[in-house]
Amino acid sequence: MSASRVNNNRDTYKAAAIALIVFGILYLIDKLASFSALGLPWVMNKDNFLLYTALIFLILKRDKSVGIILVGLWLVLNFGLITALLGSLSAYLLPLGLLLVGLLLYWLSGR
């Protein structure tokens, strides 16, 4: 097994372990002092756990592909929330975002 593959596995295990620790801490805090009672019900939203995992993987792994894919999944799952937050700008941001992602993928495929 090559050294880069071993480091990639080590990064993956470390990121997964930290994600599980964070989830455990969040659940423990929620049981001791409910986030809803503190005015933070969004912290324990199931969709946000995907975002937490994505951020942890982006921070801890050298290979950012897993984190980017998880952020993309979170964006797709929460498209309604994002468009509601952006208001009228969302009509322009989606086409521009698709254009930018397409250009980036085209540029990366030519390298």
PDB file of N, CA and C in Angstrom:
ATOM      1  N   MET A   1       0.853  -1.163   0.000  1.00  0.00           N
ATOM      2  CA  MET A   1       0.000   0.000   0.000  1.00  0.00           C
ATOM      3  C   MET A   1       0.904   1.234   0.000  1.00  0.00           C
ATOM      4  N   SER A   2       0.596   2.191  -0.838  1.00  0.00           N
ATOM      5  CA  SER A   2       1.440   3.374  -0.949  1.00  0.00           C
ATOM      6  C   SER A   2       1.242   4.291   0.253  1.00  0.00           C
ATOM      7  N   ALA A   3       2.250   5.159   0.451  1.00  0.00           N
ATOM      8  CA  ALA A   3       2.212   6.063   1.597  1.00  0.00           C
ATOM      9  C   ALA A   3       1.052   7.049   1.513  1.00  0.00           C
ATOM     10  N   SER A   4       0.731   7.509   0.298  1.00  0.00           N
ATOM     11  CA  SER A   4      -0.370   8.465   0.169  1.00  0.00           C
ATOM     12  C   SER A   4      -1.707   7.829   0.500  1.00  0.00           C
ATOM     13  N   ARG A   5      -1.863   6.557   0.151  1.00  0.00           N
ATOM     14  CA  ARG A   5      -3.113   5.865   0.476  1.00  0.00           C
ATOM     15  C   ARG A   5      -3.244   5.658   1.982  1.00  0.00           C
ATOM     16  N   VAL A   6      -2.142   5.348   2.650  1.00  0.00           N
ATOM     17  CA  VAL A   6      -2.173   5.177   4.100  1.00  0.00           C
ATOM     18  C   VAL A   6      -2.522   6.501   4.773  1.00  0.00           C
ATOM     19  N   ASN A   7      -1.917   7.612   4.313  1.00  0.00           N
ATOM     20  CA  ASN A   7      -2.221   8.926   4.884  1.00  0.00           C
ATOM     21  C   ASN A   7      -3.662   9.319   4.611  1.00  0.00           C
ATOM     22  N   ASN A   8      -4.189   8.966   3.422  1.00  0.00           N
ATOM     23  CA  ASN A   8      -5.576   9.282   3.101  1.00  0.00           C
ATOM     24  C   ASN A   8      -6.515   8.519   4.022  1.00  0.00           C
ATOM     25  N   ASN A   9      -6.218   7.227   4.273  1.00  0.00           N
ATOM     26  CA  ASN A   9      -7.046   6.450   5.200  1.00  0.00           C
ATOM     27  C   ASN A   9      -6.958   7.029   6.605  1.00  0.00           C
ATOM     28  N   ARG A  10      -5.760   7.422   7.011  1.00  0.00           N
ATOM     29  CA  ARG A  10      -5.570   7.992   8.342  1.00  0.00           C
ATOM     30  C   ARG A  10      -6.359   9.299   8.470  1.00  0.00           C
ATOM     31  N   ASP A  11      -6.317  10.134   7.420  1.00  0.00           N
ATOM     32  CA  ASP A  11      -7.092  11.375   7.426  1.00  0.00           C
ATOM     33  C   ASP A  11      -8.584  11.091   7.517  1.00  0.00           C
ATOM     34  N   THR A  12      -9.043  10.081   6.780  1.00  0.00           N
ATOM     35  CA  THR A  12     -10.463   9.725   6.789  1.00  0.00           C
ATOM     36  C   THR A  12     -10.889   9.240   8.163  1.00  0.00           C
ATOM     37  N   TYR A  13     -10.086   8.376   8.782  1.00  0.00           N
ATOM     38  CA  TYR A  13     -10.414   7.872  10.118  1.00  0.00           C
ATOM     39  C   TYR A  13     -10.424   8.996  11.139  1.00  0.00           C
ATOM     40  N   LYS A  14      -9.454   9.896  11.026  1.00  0.00           N
ATOM     41  CA  LYS A  14      -9.384  11.017  11.966  1.00  0.00           C
ATOM     42  C   LYS A  14     -10.607  11.924  11.807  1.00  0.00           C
ATOM     43  N   ALA A  15     -10.970  12.257  10.569  1.00  0.00           N
ATOM     44  CA  ALA A  15     -12.125  13.122  10.331  1.00  0.00           C
ATOM     45  C   ALA A  15     -13.417  12.452  10.802  1.00  0.00           C
ATOM     46  N   ALA A  16     -13.561  11.166  10.526  1.00  0.00           N
ATOM     47  CA  ALA A  16     -14.760  10.442  10.974  1.00  0.00           C
ATOM     48  C   ALA A  16     -14.818  10.382  12.497  1.00  0.00           C
ATOM     49  N   ALA A  17     -13.678  10.165  13.138  1.00  0.00           N
ATOM     50  CA  ALA A  17     -13.641  10.113  14.607  1.00  0.00           C
ATOM     51  C   ALA A  17     -14.020  11.463  15.202  1.00  0.00           C
ATOM     52  N   ILE A  18     -13.475  12.544  14.646  1.00  0.00           N
ATOM     53  CA  ILE A  18     -13.805  13.882  15.157  1.00  0.00           C
ATOM     54  C   ILE A  18     -15.284  14.180  14.938  1.00  0.00           C
ATOM     55  N   ALA A  19     -15.833  13.776  13.784  1.00  0.00           N
ATOM     56  CA  ALA A  19     -17.259  13.996  13.517  1.00  0.00           C
ATOM     57  C   ALA A  19     -18.112  13.262  14.549  1.00  0.00           C
ATOM     58  N   LEU A  20     -17.770  12.026  14.856  1.00  0.00           N
ATOM     59  CA  LEU A  20     -18.529  11.271  15.856  1.00  0.00           C
ATOM     60  C   LEU A  20     -18.408  11.906  17.238  1.00  0.00           C
ATOM     61  N   ILE A  21     -17.219  12.400  17.575  1.00  0.00           N
ATOM     62  CA  ILE A  21     -17.030  13.072  18.867  1.00  0.00           C
ATOM     63  C   ILE A  21     -17.883  14.333  18.935  1.00  0.00           C
ATOM     64  N   VAL A  22     -17.893  15.117  17.869  1.00  0.00           N
ATOM     65  CA  VAL A  22     -18.703  16.344  17.831  1.00  0.00           C
ATOM     66  C   VAL A  22     -20.180  16.008  17.965  1.00  0.00           C
ATOM     67  N   PHE A  23     -20.635  14.965  17.257  1.00  0.00           N
ATOM     68  CA  PHE A  23     -22.046  14.571  17.358  1.00  0.00           C
ATOM     69  C   PHE A  23     -22.378  14.133  18.776  1.00  0.00           C
ATOM     70  N   GLY A  24     -21.490  13.372  19.394  1.00  0.00           N
ATOM     71  CA  GLY A  24     -21.710  12.940  20.773  1.00  0.00           C
ATOM     72  C   GLY A  24     -21.799  14.116  21.729  1.00  0.00           C
ATOM     73  N   ILE A  25     -20.905  15.097  21.549  1.00  0.00           N
ATOM     74  CA  ILE A  25     -20.922  16.289  22.396  1.00  0.00           C
ATOM     75  C   ILE A  25     -22.212  17.080  22.179  1.00  0.00           C
ATOM     76  N   LEU A  26     -22.623  17.227  20.914  1.00  0.00           N
ATOM     77  CA  LEU A  26     -23.860  17.967  20.637  1.00  0.00           C
ATOM     78  C   LEU A  26     -25.070  17.287  21.254  1.00  0.00           C
ATOM     79  N   TYR A  27     -25.156  15.949  21.132  1.00  0.00           N
ATOM     80  CA  TYR A  27     -26.287  15.228  21.727  1.00  0.00           C
ATOM     81  C   TYR A  27     -26.264  15.326  23.248  1.00  0.00           C
ATOM     82  N   LEU A  28     -25.080  15.256  23.841  1.00  0.00           N
ATOM     83  CA  LEU A  28     -24.982  15.357  25.289  1.00  0.00           C
ATOM     84  C   LEU A  28     -25.412  16.743  25.769  1.00  0.00           C
ATOM     85  N   ILE A  29     -24.933  17.775  25.093  1.00  0.00           N
ATOM     86  CA  ILE A  29     -25.335  19.140  25.453  1.00  0.00           C
ATOM     87  C   ILE A  29     -26.839  19.313  25.269  1.00  0.00           C
ATOM     88  N   ASP A  30     -27.395  18.716  24.193  1.00  0.00           N
ATOM     89  CA  ASP A  30     -28.832  18.832  23.953  1.00  0.00           C
ATOM     90  C   ASP A  30     -29.630  18.145  25.050  1.00  0.00           C
ATOM     91  N   LYS A  31     -29.129  17.026  25.574  1.00  0.00           N
ATOM     92  CA  LYS A  31     -29.852  16.340  26.655  1.00  0.00           C
ATOM     93  C   LYS A  31     -29.734  17.091  27.981  1.00  0.00           C
ATOM     94  N   LEU A  32     -28.562  17.708  28.222  1.00  0.00           N
ATOM     95  CA  LEU A  32     -28.370  18.423  29.480  1.00  0.00           C
ATOM     96  C   LEU A  32     -29.061  19.789  29.477  1.00  0.00           C
ATOM     97  N   ALA A  33     -28.882  20.537  28.408  1.00  0.00           N
ATOM     98  CA  ALA A  33     -29.503  21.862  28.272  1.00  0.00           C
ATOM     99  C   ALA A  33     -29.985  21.955  26.836  1.00  0.00           C
ATOM    100  N   SER A  34     -31.252  21.762  26.646  1.00  0.00           N
ATOM    101  CA  SER A  34     -31.829  21.683  25.304  1.00  0.00           C
ATOM    102  C   SER A  34     -31.492  22.919  24.472  1.00  0.00           C
ATOM    103  N   PHE A  35     -31.025  22.676  23.236  1.00  0.00           N
ATOM    104  CA  PHE A  35     -30.736  23.782  22.329  1.00  0.00           C
ATOM    105  C   PHE A  35     -32.005  24.568  22.007  1.00  0.00           C
ATOM    106  N   SER A  36     -33.128  23.871  21.976  1.00  0.00           N
ATOM    107  CA  SER A  36     -34.397  24.558  21.709  1.00  0.00           C
ATOM    108  C   SER A  36     -34.725  25.552  22.815  1.00  0.00           C
ATOM    109  N   ALA A  37     -34.459  25.159  24.052  1.00  0.00           N
ATOM    110  CA  ALA A  37     -34.717  26.056  25.177  1.00  0.00           C
ATOM    111  C   ALA A  37     -33.772  27.250  25.160  1.00  0.00           C
ATOM    112  N   LEU A  38     -32.594  27.064  24.576  1.00  0.00           N
ATOM    113  CA  LEU A  38     -31.621  28.158  24.485  1.00  0.00           C
ATOM    114  C   LEU A  38     -31.853  29.046  23.275  1.00  0.00           C
ATOM    115  N   GLY A  39     -32.875  28.701  22.467  1.00  0.00           N
ATOM    116  CA  GLY A  39     -33.175  29.496  21.279  1.00  0.00           C
ATOM    117  C   GLY A  39     -32.344  29.095  20.067  1.00  0.00           C
ATOM    118  N   LEU A  40     -31.782  27.905  20.096  1.00  0.00           N
ATOM    119  CA  LEU A  40     -30.947  27.417  18.991  1.00  0.00           C
ATOM    120  C   LEU A  40     -31.447  26.063  18.465  1.00  0.00           C
ATOM    121  N   PRO A  41     -32.698  25.978  18.020  1.00  0.00           N
ATOM    122  CA  PRO A  41     -33.212  24.682  17.581  1.00  0.00           C
ATOM    123  C   PRO A  41     -32.540  24.169  16.308  1.00  0.00           C
ATOM    124  N   TRP A  42     -31.950  25.052  15.515  1.00  0.00           N
ATOM    125  CA  TRP A  42     -31.320  24.657  14.255  1.00  0.00           C
ATOM    126  C   TRP A  42     -30.045  23.838  14.470  1.00  0.00           C
ATOM    127  N   VAL A  43     -29.454  23.902  15.661  1.00  0.00           N
ATOM    128  CA  VAL A  43     -28.196  23.178  15.917  1.00  0.00           C
ATOM    129  C   VAL A  43     -28.401  21.685  15.779  1.00  0.00           C
ATOM    130  N   MET A  44     -29.531  21.171  16.243  1.00  0.00           N
ATOM    131  CA  MET A  44     -29.787  19.733  16.211  1.00  0.00           C
ATOM    132  C   MET A  44     -30.612  19.318  14.995  1.00  0.00           C
ATOM    133  N   ASN A  45     -30.750  20.188  14.011  1.00  0.00           N
ATOM    134  CA  ASN A  45     -31.442  19.845  12.771  1.00  0.00           C
ATOM    135  C   ASN A  45     -30.631  18.765  12.037  1.00  0.00           C
ATOM    136  N   LYS A  46     -31.297  17.708  11.604  1.00  0.00           N
ATOM    137  CA  LYS A  46     -30.598  16.589  10.970  1.00  0.00           C
ATOM    138  C   LYS A  46     -29.841  17.004   9.717  1.00  0.00           C
ATOM    139  N   ASP A  47     -30.371  17.954   8.975  1.00  0.00           N
ATOM    140  CA  ASP A  47     -29.682  18.423   7.776  1.00  0.00           C
ATOM    141  C   ASP A  47     -28.356  19.091   8.119  1.00  0.00           C
ATOM    142  N   ASN A  48     -28.304  19.746   9.268  1.00  0.00           N
ATOM    143  CA  ASN A  48     -27.081  20.434   9.649  1.00  0.00           C
ATOM    144  C   ASN A  48     -25.964  19.476  10.041  1.00  0.00           C
ATOM    145  N   PHE A  49     -26.309  18.267  10.444  1.00  0.00           N
ATOM    146  CA  PHE A  49     -25.277  17.284  10.758  1.00  0.00           C
ATOM    147  C   PHE A  49     -24.461  16.943   9.512  1.00  0.00           C
ATOM    148  N   LEU A  50     -25.097  16.954   8.364  1.00  0.00           N
ATOM    149  CA  LEU A  50     -24.372  16.752   7.103  1.00  0.00           C
ATOM    150  C   LEU A  50     -23.404  17.908   6.871  1.00  0.00           C
ATOM    151  N   LEU A  51     -23.832  19.114   7.178  1.00  0.00           N
ATOM    152  CA  LEU A  51     -22.959  20.280   7.037  1.00  0.00           C
ATOM    153  C   LEU A  51     -21.803  20.217   8.032  1.00  0.00           C
ATOM    154  N   TYR A  52     -22.068  19.811   9.270  1.00  0.00           N
ATOM    155  CA  TYR A  52     -21.001  19.675  10.258  1.00  0.00           C
ATOM    156  C   TYR A  52     -19.963  18.663   9.787  1.00  0.00           C
ATOM    157  N   THR A  53     -20.440  17.540   9.271  1.00  0.00           N
ATOM    158  CA  THR A  53     -19.530  16.510   8.772  1.00  0.00           C
ATOM    159  C   THR A  53     -18.705  17.045   7.611  1.00  0.00           C
ATOM    160  N   ALA A  54     -19.347  17.762   6.702  1.00  0.00           N
ATOM    161  CA  ALA A  54     -18.636  18.318   5.551  1.00  0.00           C
ATOM    162  C   ALA A  54     -17.533  19.265   6.004  1.00  0.00           C
ATOM    163  N   LEU A  55     -17.841  20.135   6.950  1.00  0.00           N
ATOM    164  CA  LEU A  55     -16.847  21.078   7.433  1.00  0.00           C
ATOM    165  C   LEU A  55     -15.682  20.371   8.121  1.00  0.00           C
ATOM    166  N   ILE A  56     -15.973  19.350   8.896  1.00  0.00           N
ATOM    167  CA  ILE A  56     -14.912  18.594   9.563  1.00  0.00           C
ATOM    168  C   ILE A  56     -14.018  17.915   8.535  1.00  0.00           C
ATOM    169  N   PHE A  57     -14.621  17.314   7.510  1.00  0.00           N
ATOM    170  CA  PHE A  57     -13.824  16.658   6.471  1.00  0.00           C
ATOM    171  C   PHE A  57     -13.014  17.671   5.672  1.00  0.00           C
ATOM    172  N   LEU A  58     -13.569  18.850   5.417  1.00  0.00           N
ATOM    173  CA  LEU A  58     -12.824  19.877   4.700  1.00  0.00           C
ATOM    174  C   LEU A  58     -11.641  20.386   5.519  1.00  0.00           C
ATOM    175  N   ILE A  59     -11.809  20.475   6.816  1.00  0.00           N
ATOM    176  CA  ILE A  59     -10.737  20.974   7.674  1.00  0.00           C
ATOM    177  C   ILE A  59      -9.644  19.925   7.878  1.00  0.00           C
ATOM    178  N   LEU A  60     -10.024  18.663   8.095  1.00  0.00           N
ATOM    179  CA  LEU A  60      -9.055  17.660   8.521  1.00  0.00           C
ATOM    180  C   LEU A  60      -8.436  16.823   7.404  1.00  0.00           C
ATOM    181  N   LYS A  61      -9.100  16.688   6.269  1.00  0.00           N
ATOM    182  CA  LYS A  61      -8.558  15.836   5.205  1.00  0.00           C
ATOM    183  C   LYS A  61      -7.771  16.658   4.191  1.00  0.00           C
ATOM    184  N   ARG A  62      -6.678  16.091   3.729  1.00  0.00           N
ATOM    185  CA  ARG A  62      -5.911  16.748   2.665  1.00  0.00           C
ATOM    186  C   ARG A  62      -6.671  16.698   1.352  1.00  0.00           C
ATOM    187  N   ASP A  63      -7.291  15.554   1.064  1.00  0.00           N
ATOM    188  CA  ASP A  63      -8.111  15.404  -0.130  1.00  0.00           C
ATOM    189  C   ASP A  63      -9.496  15.973   0.182  1.00  0.00           C
ATOM    190  N   LYS A  64      -9.834  17.070  -0.430  1.00  0.00           N
ATOM    191  CA  LYS A  64     -11.061  17.804  -0.099  1.00  0.00           C
ATOM    192  C   LYS A  64     -12.295  17.288  -0.823  1.00  0.00           C
ATOM    193  N   SER A  65     -12.173  16.238  -1.629  1.00  0.00           N
ATOM    194  CA  SER A  65     -13.300  15.800  -2.458  1.00  0.00           C
ATOM    195  C   SER A  65     -14.493  15.341  -1.628  1.00  0.00           C
ATOM    196  N   VAL A  66     -14.274  14.613  -0.551  1.00  0.00           N
ATOM    197  CA  VAL A  66     -15.389  14.136   0.274  1.00  0.00           C
ATOM    198  C   VAL A  66     -16.128  15.321   0.900  1.00  0.00           C
ATOM    199  N   GLY A  67     -15.376  16.274   1.427  1.00  0.00           N
ATOM    200  CA  GLY A  67     -15.996  17.450   2.029  1.00  0.00           C
ATOM    201  C   GLY A  67     -16.784  18.268   1.023  1.00  0.00           C
ATOM    202  N   ILE A  68     -16.240  18.408  -0.193  1.00  0.00           N
ATOM    203  CA  ILE A  68     -16.928  19.168  -1.232  1.00  0.00           C
ATOM    204  C   ILE A  68     -18.217  18.467  -1.650  1.00  0.00           C
ATOM    205  N   ILE A  69     -18.164  17.152  -1.773  1.00  0.00           N
ATOM    206  CA  ILE A  69     -19.365  16.392  -2.138  1.00  0.00           C
ATOM    207  C   ILE A  69     -20.430  16.515  -1.044  1.00  0.00           C
ATOM    208  N   LEU A  70     -20.020  16.446   0.220  1.00  0.00           N
ATOM    209  CA  LEU A  70     -20.978  16.579   1.319  1.00  0.00           C
ATOM    210  C   LEU A  70     -21.587  17.976   1.371  1.00  0.00           C
ATOM    211  N   VAL A  71     -20.789  19.013   1.105  1.00  0.00           N
ATOM    212  CA  VAL A  71     -21.332  20.373   1.047  1.00  0.00           C
ATOM    213  C   VAL A  71     -22.324  20.483  -0.106  1.00  0.00           C
ATOM    214  N   GLY A  72     -21.988  19.885  -1.251  1.00  0.00           N
ATOM    215  CA  GLY A  72     -22.909  19.889  -2.389  1.00  0.00           C
ATOM    216  C   GLY A  72     -24.221  19.203  -2.062  1.00  0.00           C
ATOM    217  N   LEU A  73     -24.149  18.060  -1.371  1.00  0.00           N
ATOM    218  CA  LEU A  73     -25.376  17.368  -0.948  1.00  0.00           C
ATOM    219  C   LEU A  73     -26.197  18.239  -0.003  1.00  0.00           C
ATOM    220  N   TRP A  74     -25.520  18.904   0.934  1.00  0.00           N
ATOM    221  CA  TRP A  74     -26.231  19.774   1.867  1.00  0.00           C
ATOM    222  C   TRP A  74     -26.910  20.903   1.109  1.00  0.00           C
ATOM    223  N   LEU A  75     -26.227  21.475   0.120  1.00  0.00           N
ATOM    224  CA  LEU A  75     -26.823  22.555  -0.668  1.00  0.00           C
ATOM    225  C   LEU A  75     -28.053  22.088  -1.427  1.00  0.00           C
ATOM    226  N   VAL A  76     -27.980  20.884  -1.997  1.00  0.00           N
ATOM    227  CA  VAL A  76     -29.128  20.350  -2.738  1.00  0.00           C
ATOM    228  C   VAL A  76     -30.298  20.081  -1.788  1.00  0.00           C
ATOM    229  N   LEU A  77     -30.008  19.493  -0.636  1.00  0.00           N
ATOM    230  CA  LEU A  77     -31.065  19.179   0.322  1.00  0.00           C
ATOM    231  C   LEU A  77     -31.692  20.429   0.923  1.00  0.00           C
ATOM    232  N   ASN A  78     -30.945  21.512   1.009  1.00  0.00           N
ATOM    233  CA  ASN A  78     -31.436  22.739   1.632  1.00  0.00           C
ATOM    234  C   ASN A  78     -31.604  23.861   0.622  1.00  0.00           C
ATOM    235  N   PHE A  79     -31.932  23.517  -0.606  1.00  0.00           N
ATOM    236  CA  PHE A  79     -32.072  24.509  -1.668  1.00  0.00           C
ATOM    237  C   PHE A  79     -33.172  25.518  -1.343  1.00  0.00           C
ATOM    238  N   GLY A  80     -34.265  25.050  -0.773  1.00  0.00           N
ATOM    239  CA  GLY A  80     -35.364  25.945  -0.403  1.00  0.00           C
ATOM    240  C   GLY A  80     -34.939  26.966   0.642  1.00  0.00           C
ATOM    241  N   LEU A  81     -34.184  26.535   1.625  1.00  0.00           N
ATOM    242  CA  LEU A  81     -33.686  27.441   2.654  1.00  0.00           C
ATOM    243  C   LEU A  81     -32.750  28.479   2.055  1.00  0.00           C
ATOM    244  N   ILE A  82     -31.882  28.047   1.176  1.00  0.00           N
ATOM    245  CA  ILE A  82     -30.911  28.960   0.569  1.00  0.00           C
ATOM    246  C   ILE A  82     -31.611  29.989  -0.306  1.00  0.00           C
ATOM    247  N   THR A  83     -32.568  29.557  -1.104  1.00  0.00           N
ATOM    248  CA  THR A  83     -33.283  30.507  -1.953  1.00  0.00           C
ATOM    249  C   THR A  83     -34.119  31.476  -1.118  1.00  0.00           C
ATOM    250  N   ALA A  84     -34.661  30.996  -0.001  1.00  0.00           N
ATOM    251  CA  ALA A  84     -35.430  31.893   0.871  1.00  0.00           C
ATOM    252  C   ALA A  84     -34.518  32.935   1.509  1.00  0.00           C
ATOM    253  N   LEU A  85     -33.307  32.529   1.889  1.00  0.00           N
ATOM    254  CA  LEU A  85     -32.369  33.471   2.495  1.00  0.00           C
ATOM    255  C   LEU A  85     -31.850  34.491   1.488  1.00  0.00           C
ATOM    256  N   LEU A  86     -31.668  34.055   0.264  1.00  0.00           N
ATOM    257  CA  LEU A  86     -31.118  34.953  -0.755  1.00  0.00           C
ATOM    258  C   LEU A  86     -32.175  35.851  -1.393  1.00  0.00           C
ATOM    259  N   GLY A  87     -33.423  35.463  -1.305  1.00  0.00           N
ATOM    260  CA  GLY A  87     -34.504  36.269  -1.860  1.00  0.00           C
ATOM    261  C   GLY A  87     -34.425  36.369  -3.368  1.00  0.00           C
ATOM    262  N   SER A  88     -34.505  37.583  -3.892  1.00  0.00           N
ATOM    263  CA  SER A  88     -34.525  37.774  -5.338  1.00  0.00           C
ATOM    264  C   SER A  88     -33.177  37.504  -5.983  1.00  0.00           C
ATOM    265  N   LEU A  89     -32.109  37.507  -5.205  1.00  0.00           N
ATOM    266  CA  LEU A  89     -30.787  37.199  -5.762  1.00  0.00           C
ATOM    267  C   LEU A  89     -30.691  35.759  -6.247  1.00  0.00           C
ATOM    268  N   SER A  90     -31.500  34.870  -5.679  1.00  0.00           N
ATOM    269  CA  SER A  90     -31.409  33.454  -6.024  1.00  0.00           C
ATOM    270  C   SER A  90     -31.726  33.211  -7.496  1.00  0.00           C
ATOM    271  N   ALA A  91     -32.504  34.071  -8.093  1.00  0.00           N
ATOM    272  CA  ALA A  91     -32.829  33.913  -9.514  1.00  0.00           C
ATOM    273  C   ALA A  91     -31.583  34.045 -10.372  1.00  0.00           C
ATOM    274  N   TYR A  92     -30.608  34.794  -9.910  1.00  0.00           N
ATOM    275  CA  TYR A  92     -29.370  34.977 -10.665  1.00  0.00           C
ATOM    276  C   TYR A  92     -28.252  34.058 -10.193  1.00  0.00           C
ATOM    277  N   LEU A  93     -28.258  33.719  -8.908  1.00  0.00           N
ATOM    278  CA  LEU A  93     -27.162  32.933  -8.367  1.00  0.00           C
ATOM    279  C   LEU A  93     -27.146  31.490  -8.850  1.00  0.00           C
ATOM    280  N   LEU A  94     -28.299  30.869  -9.008  1.00  0.00           N
ATOM    281  CA  LEU A  94     -28.323  29.483  -9.475  1.00  0.00           C
ATOM    282  C   LEU A  94     -27.737  29.355 -10.870  1.00  0.00           C
ATOM    283  N   PRO A  95     -28.169  30.150 -11.851  1.00  0.00           N
ATOM    284  CA  PRO A  95     -27.548  30.027 -13.170  1.00  0.00           C
ATOM    285  C   PRO A  95     -26.060  30.369 -13.162  1.00  0.00           C
ATOM    286  N   LEU A  96     -25.684  31.386 -12.393  1.00  0.00           N
ATOM    287  CA  LEU A  96     -24.264  31.734 -12.309  1.00  0.00           C
ATOM    288  C   LEU A  96     -23.452  30.633 -11.630  1.00  0.00           C
ATOM    289  N   GLY A  97     -24.014  30.049 -10.595  1.00  0.00           N
ATOM    290  CA  GLY A  97     -23.336  28.944  -9.915  1.00  0.00           C
ATOM    291  C   GLY A  97     -23.152  27.745 -10.828  1.00  0.00           C
ATOM    292  N   LEU A  98     -24.208  27.396 -11.562  1.00  0.00           N
ATOM    293  CA  LEU A  98     -24.102  26.279 -12.499  1.00  0.00           C
ATOM    294  C   LEU A  98     -23.071  26.572 -13.585  1.00  0.00           C
ATOM    295  N   LEU A  99     -23.053  27.805 -14.063  1.00  0.00           N
ATOM    296  CA  LEU A  99     -22.081  28.205 -15.074  1.00  0.00           C
ATOM    297  C   LEU A  99     -20.655  28.104 -14.537  1.00  0.00           C
ATOM    298  N   LEU A 100     -20.436  28.592 -13.328  1.00  0.00           N
ATOM    299  CA  LEU A 100     -19.104  28.532 -12.738  1.00  0.00           C
ATOM    300  C   LEU A 100     -18.643  27.105 -12.482  1.00  0.00           C
ATOM    301  N   VAL A 101     -19.522  26.264 -11.967  1.00  0.00           N
ATOM    302  CA  VAL A 101     -19.167  24.862 -11.722  1.00  0.00           C
ATOM    303  C   VAL A 101     -18.871  24.158 -13.039  1.00  0.00           C
ATOM    304  N   GLY A 102     -19.675  24.409 -14.058  1.00  0.00           N
ATOM    305  CA  GLY A 102     -19.427  23.808 -15.369  1.00  0.00           C
ATOM    306  C   GLY A 102     -18.103  24.241 -15.951  1.00  0.00           C
ATOM    307  N   LEU A 103     -17.794  25.538 -15.856  1.00  0.00           N
ATOM    308  CA  LEU A 103     -16.506  26.028 -16.365  1.00  0.00           C
ATOM    309  C   LEU A 103     -15.332  25.445 -15.589  1.00  0.00           C
ATOM    310  N   LEU A 104     -15.490  25.331 -14.279  1.00  0.00           N
ATOM    311  CA  LEU A 104     -14.435  24.743 -13.459  1.00  0.00           C
ATOM    312  C   LEU A 104     -14.199  23.282 -13.820  1.00  0.00           C
ATOM    313  N   LEU A 105     -15.266  22.524 -13.979  1.00  0.00           N
ATOM    314  CA  LEU A 105     -15.126  21.113 -14.350  1.00  0.00           C
ATOM    315  C   LEU A 105     -14.511  20.974 -15.738  1.00  0.00           C
ATOM    316  N   TYR A 106     -14.901  21.845 -16.667  1.00  0.00           N
ATOM    317  CA  TYR A 106     -14.329  21.814 -18.010  1.00  0.00           C
ATOM    318  C   TYR A 106     -12.835  22.130 -17.961  1.00  0.00           C
ATOM    319  N   TRP A 107     -12.474  23.122 -17.148  1.00  0.00           N
ATOM    320  CA  TRP A 107     -11.072  23.493 -17.029  1.00  0.00           C
ATOM    321  C   TRP A 107     -10.267  22.368 -16.385  1.00  0.00           C
ATOM    322  N   LEU A 108     -10.810  21.729 -15.336  1.00  0.00           N
ATOM    323  CA  LEU A 108     -10.110  20.630 -14.688  1.00  0.00           C
ATOM    324  C   LEU A 108      -9.982  19.409 -15.601  1.00  0.00           C
ATOM    325  N   SER A 109     -10.950  19.173 -16.467  1.00  0.00           N
ATOM    326  CA  SER A 109     -10.875  18.012 -17.358  1.00  0.00           C
ATOM    327  C   SER A 109      -9.811  18.209 -18.434  1.00  0.00           C
ATOM    328  N   GLY A 110      -9.481  19.466 -18.744  1.00  0.00           N
ATOM    329  CA  GLY A 110      -8.475  19.737 -19.758  1.00  0.00           C
ATOM    330  C   GLY A 110      -7.054  19.754 -19.235  1.00  0.00           C
ATOM    331  N   ARG A 111      -6.880  19.704 -17.942  1.00  0.00           N
ATOM    332  CA  ARG A 111      -5.538  19.747 -17.350  1.00  0.00           C
ATOM    333  C   ARG A 111      -4.826  18.453 -17.450  1.00  0.00           C
TER     334      ARG A 111
END
